[in-house]
Amino acid sequence: MTQTHLHFNMHIGRKKPESVINRETACPFCDTNNLTNILEQRGSMIWLMNKFPVLQDTYQTVLIESDDCEGDWSTYSKAHVHELLSFGVEKWQELSNSGSFQSVLFFKNHGPYSGGSIRHPHMQIVGLNNYDYRSQVKEMDFEGITIDRGRGVECNLSTHPRAGFFEYNVILTDWDQLDRMAEYLQILAHWILNHVNRRCLSYNFFFYRWGDKLIAKAVPRFVTSPLYIGYSIPQVANNLDDMVTEMKHLYF
């Protein structure tokens, strides 16, 4: 039966370490000798089972991005973001094609408002037994003002954001251009942390399989708008053209 909500296990959630805000907490991802249930390792990237599977009826895995606890997409080398996105997409597709799940999530949290608890850079790949995330997605979610476009890949600023204000989409139609997609995501991470707002310390990446396309949405994170929380009304900023012009000047 298809679910309308995912159930969060509060008992497990209370046991999760917290190092995003409390930097005195020992980082479990730095202690690689004591990591368990490793599924695959490539250099400093490690894919493993989530030790704290708070979501019921799911298969929760974590992709540790590197051995640098202070690292981030905005500061990695181009070679590393190429390898990281390739590894993540491969494992996401592996679970998606297994036939074991109704759908599979692939996403990243960074910073105190992103929903994550561990500072060490990581992504998550989560198989959903009875929930299809695509039922909550619309084509309109990925429409926007073009920031830059290359062969088989486009970066835009959303004109119909899912939650509100500024959301950025990277739309891949030629899978041979995955490296360029990674470079766009690196630019977006740097832009969000350095130029969107001086108080912005958080962002998410969300990935979607949409027809033949691979789409990533990069979202700066602040305190969520009460209009969205209470009424599901997203808001869009009135200076999108100015934002696109500034991004083009800085990065393209």
Protein backbone atom coordinates (compact mmCIF):
# COMPACT_ATOMS: atom_id res chain seq x y z
CA MET A 1 0.00 0.00 0.00
CA THR A 2 1.35 3.43 -0.94
CA GLN A 3 2.04 5.63 2.07
CA THR A 4 1.16 9.32 2.39
CA HIS A 5 3.66 9.94 5.21
CA LEU A 6 7.00 8.50 6.31
CA HIS A 7 7.20 7.51 9.96
CA PHE A 8 10.15 8.81 12.00
CA ASN A 9 11.45 6.61 14.82
CA MET A 10 11.94 9.06 17.69
CA HIS A 11 13.66 6.45 19.90
CA ILE A 12 16.45 6.02 17.34
CA GLY A 13 16.48 9.73 16.55
CA ARG A 14 17.35 10.62 20.15
CA LYS A 15 20.51 8.49 19.89
CA LYS A 16 21.92 10.24 16.81
CA PRO A 17 25.16 12.19 17.37
CA GLU A 18 24.92 15.93 16.67
CA SER A 19 27.99 17.72 15.31
CA VAL A 20 26.45 20.41 13.08
CA ILE A 21 25.97 22.82 15.98
CA ASN A 22 27.83 21.05 18.81
CA ARG A 23 31.33 20.93 17.39
CA GLU A 24 32.66 19.23 20.54
CA THR A 25 30.88 16.01 19.53
CA ALA A 26 33.27 13.36 18.21
CA CYS A 27 32.67 12.85 14.49
CA PRO A 28 31.70 9.24 13.71
CA PHE A 29 32.63 9.62 10.03
CA CYS A 30 36.21 10.62 10.86
CA ASP A 31 36.65 7.43 12.87
CA THR A 32 36.87 5.24 9.77
CA ASN A 33 38.39 2.29 11.64
CA ASN A 34 35.14 1.84 13.55
CA LEU A 35 32.70 2.28 10.68
CA THR A 36 30.46 -0.75 10.18
CA ASN A 37 28.31 -2.15 7.38
CA ILE A 38 30.41 -0.58 4.63
CA LEU A 39 28.87 -1.32 1.24
CA GLU A 40 31.65 0.07 -0.97
CA GLN A 41 34.66 2.37 -0.72
CA ARG A 42 36.38 4.39 -3.45
CA GLY A 43 39.36 6.33 -2.18
CA SER A 44 38.13 8.67 0.55
CA MET A 45 34.47 8.13 -0.40
CA ILE A 46 32.61 5.50 1.64
CA TRP A 47 29.09 4.17 1.03
CA LEU A 48 27.64 2.42 4.09
CA MET A 49 24.45 1.61 5.91
CA ASN A 50 23.04 4.38 8.10
CA LYS A 51 23.74 3.45 11.73
CA PHE A 52 20.65 5.38 12.84
CA PRO A 53 17.81 4.40 10.44
CA VAL A 54 15.16 6.77 11.77
CA LEU A 55 12.75 6.34 8.83
CA GLN A 56 10.56 3.26 9.08
CA ASP A 57 9.94 1.04 6.02
CA THR A 58 13.08 2.32 4.33
CA TYR A 59 16.61 1.24 3.44
CA GLN A 60 18.88 4.05 4.63
CA THR A 61 22.43 4.48 3.40
CA VAL A 62 25.02 7.24 3.72
CA LEU A 63 27.72 8.32 1.28
CA ILE A 64 30.64 9.91 3.14
CA GLU A 65 32.02 12.40 0.64
CA SER A 66 35.65 12.63 1.73
CA ASP A 67 38.01 12.30 4.69
CA ASP A 68 37.99 16.09 5.21
CA CYS A 69 35.54 16.83 8.04
CA GLU A 70 35.48 20.52 7.07
CA GLY A 71 35.15 19.88 3.35
CA ASP A 72 32.23 20.82 1.14
CA TRP A 73 31.12 20.79 -2.49
CA SER A 74 32.03 24.48 -2.68
CA THR A 75 35.70 23.77 -1.92
CA TYR A 76 36.42 20.32 -3.42
CA SER A 77 38.60 19.95 -6.48
CA LYS A 78 36.78 19.55 -9.79
CA ALA A 79 38.14 16.02 -10.05
CA HIS A 80 36.60 15.13 -6.69
CA VAL A 81 33.13 16.50 -7.47
CA HIS A 82 33.20 14.53 -10.75
CA GLU A 83 34.06 11.31 -8.89
CA LEU A 84 31.61 12.01 -6.07
CA LEU A 85 28.59 12.67 -8.26
CA SER A 86 29.42 9.67 -10.46
CA PHE A 87 29.68 7.40 -7.40
CA GLY A 88 26.47 8.73 -5.85
CA VAL A 89 24.40 8.51 -9.03
CA GLU A 90 25.70 5.01 -9.70
CA LYS A 91 24.61 3.75 -6.27
CA TRP A 92 21.30 5.62 -6.46
CA GLN A 93 20.59 4.00 -9.81
CA GLU A 94 21.70 0.64 -8.48
CA LEU A 95 19.06 0.76 -5.74
CA SER A 96 16.45 2.23 -8.09
CA ASN A 97 16.96 -0.53 -10.64
CA SER A 98 16.94 -3.31 -8.04
CA GLY A 99 13.14 -3.45 -8.03
CA SER A 100 13.16 -3.59 -4.22
CA PHE A 101 11.73 -0.13 -3.63
CA GLN A 102 8.83 1.98 -4.80
CA SER A 103 11.26 4.89 -5.20
CA VAL A 104 14.72 5.93 -4.00
CA LEU A 105 15.77 9.31 -2.61
CA PHE A 106 19.20 10.86 -3.18
CA PHE A 107 19.96 14.10 -1.34
CA LYS A 108 22.49 16.15 0.63
CA ASN A 109 22.20 18.25 3.78
CA HIS A 110 24.73 20.96 4.64
CA GLY A 111 24.54 23.33 7.58
CA PRO A 112 22.35 23.92 10.64
CA TYR A 113 19.10 24.62 8.74
CA SER A 114 19.42 21.77 6.24
CA GLY A 115 17.95 19.00 8.39
CA GLY A 116 21.23 17.19 8.95
CA SER A 117 22.88 16.29 12.27
CA ILE A 118 26.47 15.44 11.24
CA ARG A 119 28.82 18.20 10.01
CA HIS A 120 31.15 15.82 8.16
CA PRO A 121 30.15 16.12 4.48
CA HIS A 122 27.90 13.31 3.35
CA MET A 123 24.94 12.51 1.14
CA GLN A 124 22.10 10.05 1.68
CA ILE A 125 20.55 7.41 -0.56
CA VAL A 126 17.30 6.07 0.86
CA GLY A 127 15.12 3.33 -0.59
CA LEU A 128 11.40 3.84 0.15
CA ASN A 129 9.43 0.62 0.42
CA ASN A 130 5.95 2.10 0.07
CA TYR A 131 6.32 5.73 -1.00
CA ASP A 132 6.83 7.21 -4.47
CA TYR A 133 8.41 10.64 -4.15
CA ARG A 134 7.56 11.39 -7.79
CA SER A 135 3.88 11.67 -6.88
CA GLN A 136 4.74 14.95 -5.16
CA VAL A 137 6.78 16.36 -8.07
CA LYS A 138 5.58 18.42 -11.05
CA GLU A 139 7.24 19.46 -14.30
CA MET A 140 6.75 23.07 -13.23
CA ASP A 141 9.14 22.51 -10.29
CA PHE A 142 12.08 22.55 -12.70
CA GLU A 143 11.15 25.52 -14.90
CA GLY A 144 13.27 28.63 -14.57
CA ILE A 145 15.37 31.44 -15.99
CA THR A 146 18.45 30.04 -17.69
CA ILE A 147 21.71 30.93 -15.95
CA ASP A 148 23.96 28.85 -18.19
CA ARG A 149 23.49 26.06 -20.69
CA GLY A 150 25.84 23.60 -22.34
CA ARG A 151 25.41 20.53 -24.50
CA GLY A 152 22.94 18.30 -22.70
CA VAL A 153 22.84 20.21 -19.40
CA GLU A 154 21.25 23.42 -18.16
CA CYS A 155 21.40 25.43 -14.94
CA ASN A 156 18.44 27.67 -14.10
CA LEU A 157 16.86 29.72 -11.32
CA SER A 158 13.39 28.38 -10.56
CA THR A 159 10.38 30.54 -11.39
CA HIS A 160 8.10 28.09 -9.55
CA PRO A 161 10.05 27.05 -6.43
CA ARG A 162 8.68 24.12 -4.46
CA ALA A 163 9.13 25.75 -1.04
CA GLY A 164 9.94 29.33 -1.77
CA PHE A 165 12.21 32.21 -2.77
CA PHE A 166 15.38 30.87 -4.46
CA GLU A 167 15.82 27.37 -5.86
CA TYR A 168 18.26 26.35 -8.57
CA ASN A 169 17.83 23.48 -11.01
CA VAL A 170 20.48 21.55 -12.93
CA ILE A 171 18.81 19.55 -15.69
CA LEU A 172 20.79 16.82 -17.42
CA THR A 173 19.53 15.37 -20.69
CA ASP A 174 22.85 13.93 -21.92
CA TRP A 175 24.20 11.58 -19.27
CA ASP A 176 27.68 11.87 -20.77
CA GLN A 177 27.71 15.40 -19.33
CA LEU A 178 27.53 14.26 -15.69
CA ASP A 179 30.87 15.95 -14.93
CA ARG A 180 29.48 19.29 -16.09
CA MET A 181 26.45 18.76 -13.86
CA ALA A 182 28.82 18.27 -10.93
CA GLU A 183 30.58 21.53 -11.79
CA TYR A 184 27.27 23.40 -11.88
CA LEU A 185 26.42 22.00 -8.44
CA GLN A 186 29.79 23.13 -7.14
CA ILE A 187 29.16 26.64 -8.45
CA LEU A 188 25.71 26.66 -6.84
CA ALA A 189 27.08 25.52 -3.47
CA HIS A 190 29.70 28.30 -3.59
CA TRP A 191 27.12 30.90 -4.68
CA ILE A 192 24.68 29.91 -1.94
CA LEU A 193 27.27 29.98 0.86
CA ASN A 194 29.03 33.16 -0.28
CA HIS A 195 26.62 35.38 -2.20
CA VAL A 196 22.91 34.60 -1.71
CA ASN A 197 22.79 36.09 1.78
CA ARG A 198 25.57 36.74 4.28
CA ARG A 199 23.60 34.77 6.89
CA CYS A 200 23.15 31.69 4.68
CA LEU A 201 25.10 28.74 6.10
CA SER A 202 22.92 25.90 4.85
CA TYR A 203 21.74 24.25 1.66
CA ASN A 204 20.32 21.03 0.28
CA PHE A 205 20.80 19.14 -2.95
CA PHE A 206 17.83 17.02 -4.06
CA PHE A 207 18.07 14.64 -7.02
CA TYR A 208 15.21 13.44 -9.22
CA ARG A 209 14.81 10.96 -12.05
CA TRP A 210 12.26 12.69 -14.27
CA GLY A 211 11.55 10.80 -17.47
CA ASP A 212 14.88 10.49 -19.27
CA LYS A 213 16.32 13.42 -17.34
CA LEU A 214 18.47 13.57 -14.24
CA ILE A 215 17.64 16.71 -12.28
CA ALA A 216 19.29 18.23 -9.22
CA LYS A 217 17.73 21.02 -7.19
CA ALA A 218 19.99 23.21 -5.03
CA VAL A 219 18.12 25.02 -2.26
CA PRO A 220 19.50 27.66 0.16
CA ARG A 221 18.06 26.95 3.60
CA PHE A 222 16.80 29.45 6.15
CA VAL A 223 14.01 29.27 8.72
CA THR A 224 11.08 27.94 6.66
CA SER A 225 8.37 30.43 5.76
CA PRO A 226 5.22 30.18 7.92
CA LEU A 227 3.11 30.52 4.77
CA TYR A 228 4.63 27.31 3.49
CA ILE A 229 4.42 25.47 6.81
CA GLY A 230 0.83 26.46 7.52
CA TYR A 231 -0.72 26.69 4.08
CA SER A 232 1.72 25.07 1.59
CA ILE A 233 2.02 28.45 -0.19
CA PRO A 234 5.48 28.83 -1.76
CA GLN A 235 6.82 32.32 -2.40
CA VAL A 236 9.06 33.51 -5.22
CA ALA A 237 11.36 36.53 -5.00
CA ASN A 238 10.77 39.54 -7.26
CA ASN A 239 14.43 39.98 -8.25
CA LEU A 240 15.16 36.74 -10.09
CA ASP A 241 16.54 38.52 -13.17
CA ASP A 242 18.97 40.48 -11.00
CA MET A 243 20.15 37.27 -9.34
CA VAL A 244 20.76 35.60 -12.69
CA THR A 245 22.69 38.63 -13.95
CA GLU A 246 24.93 38.61 -10.87
CA MET A 247 25.58 34.88 -11.14
CA LYS A 248 26.52 35.17 -14.81
CA HIS A 249 28.93 37.99 -13.95
CA LEU A 250 30.59 36.02 -11.14
CA TYR A 251 30.77 32.53 -12.64
CA PHE A 252 30.18 32.60 -16.37
